[in-house]
């Protein structure tokens, strides 16, 4: 296989994986919002945090694998990763993440119960 074509396919794969990572990150935020009710201001802060981390993922992938060059097939790979994640995996991932966050919430509440009792 031509070396240039191989490199482009590898770059496409890296961006596909980055799209998957963004899908997982989005589901983490969705599961957390479903498990723990937050105020609007916290939701806004979480949205900013999501986009900040998403930007870091994309910039890191661009810098590490393409030396700062952005090509259309990279954007396509990113979108394909996100779309395939949401098409096939999100339903299962949300269930697992929701249960995990609920368990963590219970553990934190158990640990913080004595502190709440002292404060009240």
PDB file of N, CA and C in Angstrom:
ATOM      1  N   UNK A   1       0.840  -1.167   0.000  1.00  0.00           N
ATOM      2  CA  UNK A   1       0.000   0.000   0.000  1.00  0.00           C
ATOM      3  C   UNK A   1       0.892   1.238   0.000  1.00  0.00           C
ATOM      4  N   UNK A   2       0.459   2.205  -0.722  1.00  0.00           N
ATOM      5  CA  UNK A   2       1.191   3.459  -0.805  1.00  0.00           C
ATOM      6  C   UNK A   2       1.321   4.076   0.589  1.00  0.00           C
ATOM      7  N   UNK A   3       2.510   4.573   0.914  1.00  0.00           N
ATOM      8  CA  UNK A   3       2.783   5.122   2.242  1.00  0.00           C
ATOM      9  C   UNK A   3       1.878   6.322   2.559  1.00  0.00           C
ATOM     10  N   UNK A   4       1.625   7.180   1.602  1.00  0.00           N
ATOM     11  CA  UNK A   4       0.765   8.344   1.816  1.00  0.00           C
ATOM     12  C   UNK A   4      -0.665   7.907   2.137  1.00  0.00           C
ATOM     13  N   UNK A   5      -1.170   6.947   1.379  1.00  0.00           N
ATOM     14  CA  UNK A   5      -2.515   6.440   1.617  1.00  0.00           C
ATOM     15  C   UNK A   5      -2.616   5.787   2.995  1.00  0.00           C
ATOM     16  N   UNK A   6      -1.595   5.019   3.368  1.00  0.00           N
ATOM     17  CA  UNK A   6      -1.562   4.375   4.678  1.00  0.00           C
ATOM     18  C   UNK A   6      -1.599   5.430   5.784  1.00  0.00           C
ATOM     19  N   UNK A   7      -0.801   6.479   5.655  1.00  0.00           N
ATOM     20  CA  UNK A   7      -0.778   7.545   6.659  1.00  0.00           C
ATOM     21  C   UNK A   7      -2.133   8.240   6.772  1.00  0.00           C
ATOM     22  N   UNK A   8      -2.772   8.465   5.634  1.00  0.00           N
ATOM     23  CA  UNK A   8      -4.082   9.110   5.656  1.00  0.00           C
ATOM     24  C   UNK A   8      -5.134   8.208   6.300  1.00  0.00           C
ATOM     25  N   UNK A   9      -5.066   6.921   6.038  1.00  0.00           N
ATOM     26  CA  UNK A   9      -6.004   5.987   6.677  1.00  0.00           C
ATOM     27  C   UNK A   9      -5.776   5.921   8.181  1.00  0.00           C
ATOM     28  N   UNK A  10      -4.535   5.991   8.603  1.00  0.00           N
ATOM     29  CA  UNK A  10      -4.234   5.993  10.038  1.00  0.00           C
ATOM     30  C   UNK A  10      -4.750   7.279  10.688  1.00  0.00           C
ATOM     31  N   UNK A  11      -4.587   8.403  10.010  1.00  0.00           N
ATOM     32  CA  UNK A  11      -5.106   9.665  10.526  1.00  0.00           C
ATOM     33  C   UNK A  11      -6.631   9.612  10.628  1.00  0.00           C
ATOM     34  N   UNK A  12      -7.280   9.042   9.602  1.00  0.00           N
ATOM     35  CA  UNK A  12      -8.726   8.873   9.626  1.00  0.00           C
ATOM     36  C   UNK A  12      -9.140   8.032  10.833  1.00  0.00           C
ATOM     37  N   UNK A  13      -8.408   6.958  11.103  1.00  0.00           N
ATOM     38  CA  UNK A  13      -8.711   6.093  12.248  1.00  0.00           C
ATOM     39  C   UNK A  13      -8.538   6.849  13.568  1.00  0.00           C
ATOM     40  N   UNK A  14      -7.505   7.645  13.678  1.00  0.00           N
ATOM     41  CA  UNK A  14      -7.286   8.417  14.903  1.00  0.00           C
ATOM     42  C   UNK A  14      -8.430   9.406  15.137  1.00  0.00           C
ATOM     43  N   UNK A  15      -8.903  10.035  14.092  1.00  0.00           N
ATOM     44  CA  UNK A  15     -10.004  10.980  14.249  1.00  0.00           C
ATOM     45  C   UNK A  15     -11.317  10.258  14.508  1.00  0.00           C
ATOM     46  N   UNK A  16     -11.478   9.082  13.952  1.00  0.00           N
ATOM     47  CA  UNK A  16     -12.641   8.252  14.237  1.00  0.00           C
ATOM     48  C   UNK A  16     -12.673   7.919  15.732  1.00  0.00           C
ATOM     49  N   UNK A  17     -11.536   7.542  16.282  1.00  0.00           N
ATOM     50  CA  UNK A  17     -11.437   7.233  17.714  1.00  0.00           C
ATOM     51  C   UNK A  17     -11.700   8.487  18.548  1.00  0.00           C
ATOM     52  N   UNK A  18     -11.202   9.625  18.113  1.00  0.00           N
ATOM     53  CA  UNK A  18     -11.463  10.882  18.827  1.00  0.00           C
ATOM     54  C   UNK A  18     -12.965  11.180  18.838  1.00  0.00           C
ATOM     55  N   UNK A  19     -13.656  10.894  17.742  1.00  0.00           N
ATOM     56  CA  UNK A  19     -15.107  11.064  17.697  1.00  0.00           C
ATOM     57  C   UNK A  19     -15.803  10.149  18.699  1.00  0.00           C
ATOM     58  N   UNK A  20     -15.315   8.937  18.823  1.00  0.00           N
ATOM     59  CA  UNK A  20     -15.835   7.997  19.818  1.00  0.00           C
ATOM     60  C   UNK A  20     -15.623   8.554  21.224  1.00  0.00           C
ATOM     61  N   UNK A  21     -14.432   9.090  21.475  1.00  0.00           N
ATOM     62  CA  UNK A  21     -14.128   9.667  22.793  1.00  0.00           C
ATOM     63  C   UNK A  21     -15.083  10.814  23.121  1.00  0.00           C
ATOM     64  N   UNK A  22     -15.377  11.633  22.151  1.00  0.00           N
ATOM     65  CA  UNK A  22     -16.296  12.752  22.362  1.00  0.00           C
ATOM     66  C   UNK A  22     -17.700  12.227  22.673  1.00  0.00           C
ATOM     67  N   UNK A  23     -18.118  11.171  21.989  1.00  0.00           N
ATOM     68  CA  UNK A  23     -19.412  10.554  22.277  1.00  0.00           C
ATOM     69  C   UNK A  23     -19.479  10.017  23.703  1.00  0.00           C
ATOM     70  N   UNK A  24     -18.421   9.365  24.151  1.00  0.00           N
ATOM     71  CA  UNK A  24     -18.369   8.841  25.522  1.00  0.00           C
ATOM     72  C   UNK A  24     -18.435   9.995  26.523  1.00  0.00           C
ATOM     73  N   UNK A  25     -17.673  11.038  26.270  1.00  0.00           N
ATOM     74  CA  UNK A  25     -17.672  12.200  27.156  1.00  0.00           C
ATOM     75  C   UNK A  25     -19.067  12.816  27.241  1.00  0.00           C
ATOM     76  N   UNK A  26     -19.743  12.921  26.116  1.00  0.00           N
ATOM     77  CA  UNK A  26     -21.090  13.478  26.098  1.00  0.00           C
ATOM     78  C   UNK A  26     -22.037  12.615  26.920  1.00  0.00           C
ATOM     79  N   UNK A  27     -21.918  11.301  26.798  1.00  0.00           N
ATOM     80  CA  UNK A  27     -22.767  10.402  27.573  1.00  0.00           C
ATOM     81  C   UNK A  27     -22.474  10.476  29.065  1.00  0.00           C
ATOM     82  N   UNK A  28     -21.234  10.706  29.428  1.00  0.00           N
ATOM     83  CA  UNK A  28     -20.900  10.886  30.842  1.00  0.00           C
ATOM     84  C   UNK A  28     -21.649  12.099  31.395  1.00  0.00           C
ATOM     85  N   UNK A  29     -21.646  13.186  30.662  1.00  0.00           N
ATOM     86  CA  UNK A  29     -22.360  14.379  31.104  1.00  0.00           C
ATOM     87  C   UNK A  29     -23.868  14.138  31.136  1.00  0.00           C
ATOM     88  N   UNK A  30     -24.398  13.434  30.142  1.00  0.00           N
ATOM     89  CA  UNK A  30     -25.840  13.153  30.129  1.00  0.00           C
ATOM     90  C   UNK A  30     -26.246  12.268  31.289  1.00  0.00           C
ATOM     91  N   UNK A  31     -25.465  11.229  31.562  1.00  0.00           N
ATOM     92  CA  UNK A  31     -25.791  10.326  32.671  1.00  0.00           C
ATOM     93  C   UNK A  31     -25.705  11.061  34.000  1.00  0.00           C
ATOM     94  N   UNK A  32     -24.714  11.918  34.142  1.00  0.00           N
ATOM     95  CA  UNK A  32     -24.566  12.681  35.383  1.00  0.00           C
ATOM     96  C   UNK A  32     -25.760  13.611  35.578  1.00  0.00           C
ATOM     97  N   UNK A  33     -26.219  14.233  34.525  1.00  0.00           N
ATOM     98  CA  UNK A  33     -27.368  15.136  34.638  1.00  0.00           C
ATOM     99  C   UNK A  33     -28.641  14.383  34.972  1.00  0.00           C
ATOM    100  N   UNK A  34     -28.743  13.168  34.469  1.00  0.00           N
ATOM    101  CA  UNK A  34     -29.921  12.355  34.759  1.00  0.00           C
ATOM    102  C   UNK A  34     -29.896  11.851  36.202  1.00  0.00           C
ATOM    103  N   UNK A  35     -28.718  11.516  36.706  1.00  0.00           N
ATOM    104  CA  UNK A  35     -28.592  10.952  38.047  1.00  0.00           C
ATOM    105  C   UNK A  35     -28.595  12.014  39.131  1.00  0.00           C
ATOM    106  N   UNK A  36     -28.039  13.174  38.843  1.00  0.00           N
ATOM    107  CA  UNK A  36     -27.903  14.235  39.846  1.00  0.00           C
ATOM    108  C   UNK A  36     -28.505  15.512  39.282  1.00  0.00           C
ATOM    109  N   UNK A  37     -29.573  15.961  39.904  1.00  0.00           N
ATOM    110  CA  UNK A  37     -30.217  17.196  39.455  1.00  0.00           C
ATOM    111  C   UNK A  37     -29.355  18.383  39.873  1.00  0.00           C
ATOM    112  N   UNK A  38     -29.081  19.250  38.914  1.00  0.00           N
ATOM    113  CA  UNK A  38     -28.239  20.416  39.188  1.00  0.00           C
ATOM    114  C   UNK A  38     -28.972  21.697  38.794  1.00  0.00           C
ATOM    115  N   UNK A  39     -28.491  22.800  39.319  1.00  0.00           N
ATOM    116  CA  UNK A  39     -29.076  24.096  38.974  1.00  0.00           C
ATOM    117  C   UNK A  39     -28.654  24.485  37.558  1.00  0.00           C
ATOM    118  N   UNK A  40     -29.311  25.497  37.042  1.00  0.00           N
ATOM    119  CA  UNK A  40     -29.010  25.958  35.689  1.00  0.00           C
ATOM    120  C   UNK A  40     -27.559  26.434  35.559  1.00  0.00           C
ATOM    121  N   UNK A  41     -27.064  27.138  36.565  1.00  0.00           N
ATOM    122  CA  UNK A  41     -25.702  27.673  36.478  1.00  0.00           C
ATOM    123  C   UNK A  41     -24.681  26.534  36.425  1.00  0.00           C
ATOM    124  N   UNK A  42     -24.924  25.472  37.186  1.00  0.00           N
ATOM    125  CA  UNK A  42     -24.025  24.308  37.149  1.00  0.00           C
ATOM    126  C   UNK A  42     -24.103  23.647  35.778  1.00  0.00           C
ATOM    127  N   UNK A  43     -25.294  23.582  35.219  1.00  0.00           N
ATOM    128  CA  UNK A  43     -25.463  23.016  33.875  1.00  0.00           C
ATOM    129  C   UNK A  43     -24.685  23.832  32.845  1.00  0.00           C
ATOM    130  N   UNK A  44     -24.720  25.146  32.950  1.00  0.00           N
ATOM    131  CA  UNK A  44     -23.973  26.000  32.031  1.00  0.00           C
ATOM    132  C   UNK A  44     -22.466  25.773  32.175  1.00  0.00           C
ATOM    133  N   UNK A  45     -22.025  25.653  33.414  1.00  0.00           N
ATOM    134  CA  UNK A  45     -20.602  25.400  33.663  1.00  0.00           C
ATOM    135  C   UNK A  45     -20.190  24.045  33.079  1.00  0.00           C
ATOM    136  N   UNK A  46     -21.051  23.043  33.247  1.00  0.00           N
ATOM    137  CA  UNK A  46     -20.763  21.719  32.680  1.00  0.00           C
ATOM    138  C   UNK A  46     -20.720  21.770  31.154  1.00  0.00           C
ATOM    139  N   UNK A  47     -21.613  22.544  30.549  1.00  0.00           N
ATOM    140  CA  UNK A  47     -21.588  22.684  29.089  1.00  0.00           C
ATOM    141  C   UNK A  47     -20.270  23.302  28.619  1.00  0.00           C
ATOM    142  N   UNK A  48     -19.829  24.336  29.312  1.00  0.00           N
ATOM    143  CA  UNK A  48     -18.555  24.966  28.963  1.00  0.00           C
ATOM    144  C   UNK A  48     -17.415  23.976  29.139  1.00  0.00           C
ATOM    145  N   UNK A  49     -17.449  23.218  30.239  1.00  0.00           N
ATOM    146  CA  UNK A  49     -16.422  22.206  30.488  1.00  0.00           C
ATOM    147  C   UNK A  49     -16.416  21.138  29.392  1.00  0.00           C
ATOM    148  N   UNK A  50     -17.608  20.709  28.972  1.00  0.00           N
ATOM    149  CA  UNK A  50     -17.701  19.711  27.896  1.00  0.00           C
ATOM    150  C   UNK A  50     -17.045  20.232  26.624  1.00  0.00           C
ATOM    151  N   UNK A  51     -17.382  21.440  26.224  1.00  0.00           N
ATOM    152  CA  UNK A  51     -16.814  21.983  24.986  1.00  0.00           C
ATOM    153  C   UNK A  51     -15.325  22.245  25.110  1.00  0.00           C
ATOM    154  N   UNK A  52     -14.887  22.621  26.286  1.00  0.00           N
ATOM    155  CA  UNK A  52     -13.453  22.821  26.525  1.00  0.00           C
ATOM    156  C   UNK A  52     -12.699  21.504  26.365  1.00  0.00           C
ATOM    157  N   UNK A  53     -13.206  20.437  26.997  1.00  0.00           N
ATOM    158  CA  UNK A  53     -12.543  19.125  26.903  1.00  0.00           C
ATOM    159  C   UNK A  53     -12.633  18.585  25.476  1.00  0.00           C
ATOM    160  N   UNK A  54     -13.758  18.784  24.808  1.00  0.00           N
ATOM    161  CA  UNK A  54     -13.896  18.368  23.412  1.00  0.00           C
ATOM    162  C   UNK A  54     -12.866  19.073  22.542  1.00  0.00           C
ATOM    163  N   UNK A  55     -12.706  20.359  22.756  1.00  0.00           N
ATOM    164  CA  UNK A  55     -11.691  21.116  22.014  1.00  0.00           C
ATOM    165  C   UNK A  55     -10.295  20.577  22.257  1.00  0.00           C
ATOM    166  N   UNK A  56     -10.004  20.235  23.514  1.00  0.00           N
ATOM    167  CA  UNK A  56      -8.692  19.670  23.833  1.00  0.00           C
ATOM    168  C   UNK A  56      -8.490  18.338  23.107  1.00  0.00           C
ATOM    169  N   UNK A  57      -9.516  17.503  23.083  1.00  0.00           N
ATOM    170  CA  UNK A  57      -9.410  16.214  22.383  1.00  0.00           C
ATOM    171  C   UNK A  57      -9.099  16.441  20.905  1.00  0.00           C
ATOM    172  N   UNK A  58      -9.833  17.344  20.271  1.00  0.00           N
ATOM    173  CA  UNK A  58      -9.636  17.597  18.837  1.00  0.00           C
ATOM    174  C   UNK A  58      -8.265  18.224  18.575  1.00  0.00           C
ATOM    175  N   UNK A  59      -7.899  19.221  19.353  1.00  0.00           N
ATOM    176  CA  UNK A  59      -6.600  19.876  19.149  1.00  0.00           C
ATOM    177  C   UNK A  59      -5.451  18.902  19.411  1.00  0.00           C
ATOM    178  N   UNK A  60      -5.589  18.082  20.449  1.00  0.00           N
ATOM    179  CA  UNK A  60      -4.548  17.088  20.746  1.00  0.00           C
ATOM    180  C   UNK A  60      -4.400  16.102  19.587  1.00  0.00           C
ATOM    181  N   UNK A  61      -5.519  15.650  19.049  1.00  0.00           N
ATOM    182  CA  UNK A  61      -5.470  14.701  17.932  1.00  0.00           C
ATOM    183  C   UNK A  61      -4.838  15.339  16.708  1.00  0.00           C
ATOM    184  N   UNK A  62      -5.199  16.590  16.437  1.00  0.00           N
ATOM    185  CA  UNK A  62      -4.610  17.301  15.296  1.00  0.00           C
ATOM    186  C   UNK A  62      -3.106  17.462  15.495  1.00  0.00           C
ATOM    187  N   UNK A  63      -2.709  17.913  16.673  1.00  0.00           N
ATOM    188  CA  UNK A  63      -1.289  18.178  16.934  1.00  0.00           C
ATOM    189  C   UNK A  63      -0.461  16.899  16.939  1.00  0.00           C
ATOM    190  N   UNK A  64      -0.987  15.837  17.527  1.00  0.00           N
ATOM    191  CA  UNK A  64      -0.213  14.617  17.678  1.00  0.00           C
ATOM    192  C   UNK A  64      -0.075  13.831  16.378  1.00  0.00           C
ATOM    193  N   UNK A  65      -1.135  13.776  15.608  1.00  0.00           N
ATOM    194  CA  UNK A  65      -1.135  12.872  14.459  1.00  0.00           C
ATOM    195  C   UNK A  65      -1.001  13.548  13.100  1.00  0.00           C
ATOM    196  N   UNK A  66      -1.205  14.868  13.024  1.00  0.00           N
ATOM    197  CA  UNK A  66      -1.169  15.500  11.704  1.00  0.00           C
ATOM    198  C   UNK A  66      -0.271  16.719  11.638  1.00  0.00           C
ATOM    199  N   UNK A  67       0.456  17.007  12.701  1.00  0.00           N
ATOM    200  CA  UNK A  67       1.345  18.174  12.735  1.00  0.00           C
ATOM    201  C   UNK A  67       0.613  19.479  12.421  1.00  0.00           C
ATOM    202  N   UNK A  68      -0.633  19.564  12.860  1.00  0.00           N
ATOM    203  CA  UNK A  68      -1.394  20.797  12.692  1.00  0.00           C
ATOM    204  C   UNK A  68      -2.132  20.934  11.377  1.00  0.00           C
ATOM    205  N   UNK A  69      -2.017  19.967  10.513  1.00  0.00           N
ATOM    206  CA  UNK A  69      -2.736  20.031   9.231  1.00  0.00           C
ATOM    207  C   UNK A  69      -4.139  19.471   9.407  1.00  0.00           C
ATOM    208  N   UNK A  70      -5.132  20.190   8.895  1.00  0.00           N
ATOM    209  CA  UNK A  70      -6.510  19.715   8.962  1.00  0.00           C
ATOM    210  C   UNK A  70      -6.978  19.443   7.541  1.00  0.00           C
ATOM    211  N   UNK A  71      -7.437  18.249   7.333  1.00  0.00           N
ATOM    212  CA  UNK A  71      -7.943  17.828   6.021  1.00  0.00           C
ATOM    213  C   UNK A  71      -9.405  17.418   6.167  1.00  0.00           C
ATOM    214  N   UNK A  72     -10.122  17.426   5.073  1.00  0.00           N
ATOM    215  CA  UNK A  72     -11.555  17.116   5.132  1.00  0.00           C
ATOM    216  C   UNK A  72     -11.820  15.696   5.616  1.00  0.00           C
ATOM    217  N   UNK A  73     -10.975  14.731   5.271  1.00  0.00           N
ATOM    218  CA  UNK A  73     -11.217  13.358   5.698  1.00  0.00           C
ATOM    219  C   UNK A  73     -11.053  13.205   7.213  1.00  0.00           C
ATOM    220  N   UNK A  74     -10.302  14.099   7.835  1.00  0.00           N
ATOM    221  CA  UNK A  74     -10.163  14.072   9.296  1.00  0.00           C
ATOM    222  C   UNK A  74     -11.470  14.499   9.953  1.00  0.00           C
ATOM    223  N   UNK A  75     -12.084  15.536   9.413  1.00  0.00           N
ATOM    224  CA  UNK A  75     -13.366  15.998   9.936  1.00  0.00           C
ATOM    225  C   UNK A  75     -14.420  14.917   9.715  1.00  0.00           C
ATOM    226  N   UNK A  76     -14.380  14.274   8.564  1.00  0.00           N
ATOM    227  CA  UNK A  76     -15.315  13.190   8.270  1.00  0.00           C
ATOM    228  C   UNK A  76     -15.108  12.045   9.261  1.00  0.00           C
ATOM    229  N   UNK A  77     -13.867  11.699   9.552  1.00  0.00           N
ATOM    230  CA  UNK A  77     -13.572  10.641  10.522  1.00  0.00           C
ATOM    231  C   UNK A  77     -14.099  10.980  11.899  1.00  0.00           C
ATOM    232  N   UNK A  78     -13.935  12.229  12.308  1.00  0.00           N
ATOM    233  CA  UNK A  78     -14.439  12.683  13.600  1.00  0.00           C
ATOM    234  C   UNK A  78     -15.956  12.533  13.666  1.00  0.00           C
ATOM    235  N   UNK A  79     -16.643  13.014  12.645  1.00  0.00           N
ATOM    236  CA  UNK A  79     -18.105  12.911  12.621  1.00  0.00           C
ATOM    237  C   UNK A  79     -18.570  11.464  12.524  1.00  0.00           C
ATOM    238  N   UNK A  80     -17.874  10.646  11.753  1.00  0.00           N
ATOM    239  CA  UNK A  80     -18.247   9.234  11.672  1.00  0.00           C
ATOM    240  C   UNK A  80     -18.121   8.552  13.028  1.00  0.00           C
ATOM    241  N   UNK A  81     -17.066   8.866  13.766  1.00  0.00           N
ATOM    242  CA  UNK A  81     -16.893   8.298  15.094  1.00  0.00           C
ATOM    243  C   UNK A  81     -18.033   8.672  16.019  1.00  0.00           C
ATOM    244  N   UNK A  82     -18.412   9.956  16.012  1.00  0.00           N
ATOM    245  CA  UNK A  82     -19.516  10.420  16.853  1.00  0.00           C
ATOM    246  C   UNK A  82     -20.828   9.766  16.421  1.00  0.00           C
ATOM    247  N   UNK A  83     -21.091   9.760  15.126  1.00  0.00           N
ATOM    248  CA  UNK A  83     -22.354   9.215  14.614  1.00  0.00           C
ATOM    249  C   UNK A  83     -22.466   7.718  14.897  1.00  0.00           C
ATOM    250  N   UNK A  84     -21.415   6.972  14.649  1.00  0.00           N
ATOM    251  CA  UNK A  84     -21.480   5.526  14.905  1.00  0.00           C
ATOM    252  C   UNK A  84     -21.589   5.237  16.395  1.00  0.00           C
ATOM    253  N   UNK A  85     -20.940   6.027  17.222  1.00  0.00           N
ATOM    254  CA  UNK A  85     -21.073   5.850  18.666  1.00  0.00           C
ATOM    255  C   UNK A  85     -22.529   6.047  19.077  1.00  0.00           C
ATOM    256  N   UNK A  86     -23.151   7.155  18.622  1.00  0.00           N
ATOM    257  CA  UNK A  86     -24.524   7.437  19.010  1.00  0.00           C
ATOM    258  C   UNK A  86     -25.517   6.464  18.376  1.00  0.00           C
ATOM    259  N   UNK A  87     -25.169   5.878  17.258  1.00  0.00           N
ATOM    260  CA  UNK A  87     -26.064   4.934  16.610  1.00  0.00           C
ATOM    261  C   UNK A  87     -26.061   3.575  17.308  1.00  0.00           C
ATOM    262  N   UNK A  88     -24.890   3.092  17.710  1.00  0.00           N
ATOM    263  CA  UNK A  88     -24.790   1.717  18.190  1.00  0.00           C
ATOM    264  C   UNK A  88     -24.482   1.546  19.677  1.00  0.00           C
ATOM    265  N   UNK A  89     -23.885   2.511  20.323  1.00  0.00           N
ATOM    266  CA  UNK A  89     -23.359   2.274  21.670  1.00  0.00           C
ATOM    267  C   UNK A  89     -24.025   3.115  22.742  1.00  0.00           C
ATOM    268  N   UNK A  90     -24.523   4.282  22.422  1.00  0.00           N
ATOM    269  CA  UNK A  90     -24.969   5.237  23.432  1.00  0.00           C
ATOM    270  C   UNK A  90     -26.039   4.680  24.367  1.00  0.00           C
ATOM    271  N   UNK A  91     -26.961   3.893  23.845  1.00  0.00           N
ATOM    272  CA  UNK A  91     -28.044   3.361  24.673  1.00  0.00           C
ATOM    273  C   UNK A  91     -27.488   2.494  25.803  1.00  0.00           C
ATOM    274  N   UNK A  92     -26.539   1.631  25.477  1.00  0.00           N
ATOM    275  CA  UNK A  92     -25.949   0.751  26.487  1.00  0.00           C
ATOM    276  C   UNK A  92     -25.024   1.523  27.427  1.00  0.00           C
ATOM    277  N   UNK A  93     -24.249   2.428  26.866  1.00  0.00           N
ATOM    278  CA  UNK A  93     -23.310   3.205  27.676  1.00  0.00           C
ATOM    279  C   UNK A  93     -24.053   4.079  28.679  1.00  0.00           C
ATOM    280  N   UNK A  94     -25.161   4.681  28.271  1.00  0.00           N
ATOM    281  CA  UNK A  94     -25.925   5.531  29.180  1.00  0.00           C
ATOM    282  C   UNK A  94     -26.453   4.735  30.368  1.00  0.00           C
ATOM    283  N   UNK A  95     -26.945   3.540  30.121  1.00  0.00           N
ATOM    284  CA  UNK A  95     -27.450   2.700  31.215  1.00  0.00           C
ATOM    285  C   UNK A  95     -26.334   2.380  32.205  1.00  0.00           C
ATOM    286  N   UNK A  96     -25.196   1.983  31.695  1.00  0.00           N
ATOM    287  CA  UNK A  96     -24.069   1.624  32.557  1.00  0.00           C
ATOM    288  C   UNK A  96     -23.556   2.846  33.311  1.00  0.00           C
ATOM    289  N   UNK A  97     -23.377   3.952  32.608  1.00  0.00           N
ATOM    290  CA  UNK A  97     -22.881   5.177  33.247  1.00  0.00           C
ATOM    291  C   UNK A  97     -23.857   5.696  34.295  1.00  0.00           C
ATOM    292  N   UNK A  98     -25.160   5.636  34.015  1.00  0.00           N
ATOM    293  CA  UNK A  98     -26.164   6.082  34.970  1.00  0.00           C
ATOM    294  C   UNK A  98     -26.088   5.254  36.250  1.00  0.00           C
ATOM    295  N   UNK A  99     -26.006   3.939  36.107  1.00  0.00           N
ATOM    296  CA  UNK A  99     -25.904   3.068  37.290  1.00  0.00           C
ATOM    297  C   UNK A  99     -24.613   3.330  38.062  1.00  0.00           C
ATOM    298  N   UNK A 100     -23.531   3.532  37.339  1.00  0.00           N
ATOM    299  CA  UNK A 100     -22.252   3.812  37.982  1.00  0.00           C
ATOM    300  C   UNK A 100     -22.297   5.127  38.761  1.00  0.00           C
ATOM    301  N   UNK A 101     -22.851   6.153  38.169  1.00  0.00           N
ATOM    302  CA  UNK A 101     -22.946   7.447  38.838  1.00  0.00           C
ATOM    303  C   UNK A 101     -23.884   7.374  40.036  1.00  0.00           C
ATOM    304  N   UNK A 102     -24.986   6.622  39.922  1.00  0.00           N
ATOM    305  CA  UNK A 102     -25.892   6.466  41.069  1.00  0.00           C
ATOM    306  C   UNK A 102     -25.187   5.743  42.217  1.00  0.00           C
ATOM    307  N   UNK A 103     -24.386   4.727  41.890  1.00  0.00           N
ATOM    308  CA  UNK A 103     -23.622   4.026  42.931  1.00  0.00           C
ATOM    309  C   UNK A 103     -22.611   4.959  43.583  1.00  0.00           C
ATOM    310  N   UNK A 104     -21.910   5.733  42.793  1.00  0.00           N
ATOM    311  CA  UNK A 104     -20.950   6.698  43.337  1.00  0.00           C
ATOM    312  C   UNK A 104     -21.655   7.740  44.210  1.00  0.00           C
ATOM    313  N   UNK A 105     -22.832   8.160  43.790  1.00  0.00           N
ATOM    314  CA  UNK A 105     -23.609   9.126  44.559  1.00  0.00           C
ATOM    315  C   UNK A 105     -23.980   8.545  45.922  1.00  0.00           C
ATOM    316  N   UNK A 106     -24.399   7.277  45.943  1.00  0.00           N
ATOM    317  CA  UNK A 106     -24.743   6.623  47.209  1.00  0.00           C
ATOM    318  C   UNK A 106     -23.521   6.511  48.119  1.00  0.00           C
ATOM    319  N   UNK A 107     -22.387   6.150  47.544  1.00  0.00           N
ATOM    320  CA  UNK A 107     -21.158   6.023  48.340  1.00  0.00           C
ATOM    321  C   UNK A 107     -20.767   7.377  48.939  1.00  0.00           C
ATOM    322  N   UNK A 108     -20.830   8.419  48.141  1.00  0.00           N
ATOM    323  CA  UNK A 108     -20.496   9.757  48.627  1.00  0.00           C
ATOM    324  C   UNK A 108     -21.471  10.179  49.725  1.00  0.00           C
ATOM    325  N   UNK A 109     -22.753   9.894  49.546  1.00  0.00           N
ATOM    326  CA  UNK A 109     -23.737  10.241  50.571  1.00  0.00           C
ATOM    327  C   UNK A 109     -23.476   9.490  51.876  1.00  0.00           C
ATOM    328  N   UNK A 110     -23.092   8.227  51.783  1.00  0.00           N
ATOM    329  CA  UNK A 110     -22.770   7.448  52.983  1.00  0.00           C
ATOM    330  C   UNK A 110     -21.552   8.040  53.690  1.00  0.00           C
ATOM    331  N   UNK A 111     -20.553   8.403  52.916  1.00  0.00           N
ATOM    332  CA  UNK A 111     -19.337   8.977  53.495  1.00  0.00           C
ATOM    333  C   UNK A 111     -19.622  10.341  54.115  1.00  0.00           C
ATOM    334  N   UNK A 112     -20.450  11.142  53.462  1.00  0.00           N
ATOM    335  CA  UNK A 112     -20.724  12.493  53.948  1.00  0.00           C
ATOM    336  C   UNK A 112     -21.844  12.560  54.989  1.00  0.00           C
ATOM    337  N   UNK A 113     -22.548  11.465  55.238  1.00  0.00           N
ATOM    338  CA  UNK A 113     -23.646  11.463  56.196  1.00  0.00           C
ATOM    339  C   UNK A 113     -23.226  11.956  57.582  1.00  0.00           C
ATOM    340  N   UNK A 114     -22.096  11.465  58.136  1.00  0.00           N
ATOM    341  CA  UNK A 114     -21.695  11.976  59.459  1.00  0.00           C
ATOM    342  C   UNK A 114     -21.406  13.482  59.443  1.00  0.00           C
ATOM    343  N   UNK A 115     -20.844  13.971  58.363  1.00  0.00           N
ATOM    344  CA  UNK A 115     -20.564  15.403  58.259  1.00  0.00           C
ATOM    345  C   UNK A 115     -21.870  16.192  58.225  1.00  0.00           C
ATOM    346  N   UNK A 116     -22.851  15.712  57.482  1.00  0.00           N
ATOM    347  CA  UNK A 116     -24.144  16.390  57.415  1.00  0.00           C
ATOM    348  C   UNK A 116     -24.826  16.381  58.789  1.00  0.00           C
ATOM    349  N   UNK A 117     -24.677  15.280  59.511  1.00  0.00           N
ATOM    350  CA  UNK A 117     -25.297  15.165  60.839  1.00  0.00           C
ATOM    351  C   UNK A 117     -24.658  16.169  61.812  1.00  0.00           C
ATOM    352  N   UNK A 118     -23.357  16.363  61.707  1.00  0.00           N
ATOM    353  CA  UNK A 118     -22.658  17.319  62.583  1.00  0.00           C
ATOM    354  C   UNK A 118     -23.084  18.743  62.252  1.00  0.00           C
ATOM    355  N   UNK A 119     -23.199  19.050  60.969  1.00  0.00           N
ATOM    356  CA  UNK A 119     -23.559  20.413  60.543  1.00  0.00           C
ATOM    357  C   UNK A 119     -24.975  20.758  60.967  1.00  0.00           C
ATOM    358  N   UNK A 120     -25.896  19.799  60.834  1.00  0.00           N
ATOM    359  CA  UNK A 120     -27.295  20.062  61.174  1.00  0.00           C
ATOM    360  C   UNK A 120     -27.440  19.950  62.653  1.00  0.00           C
TER     361      UNK A 120
END
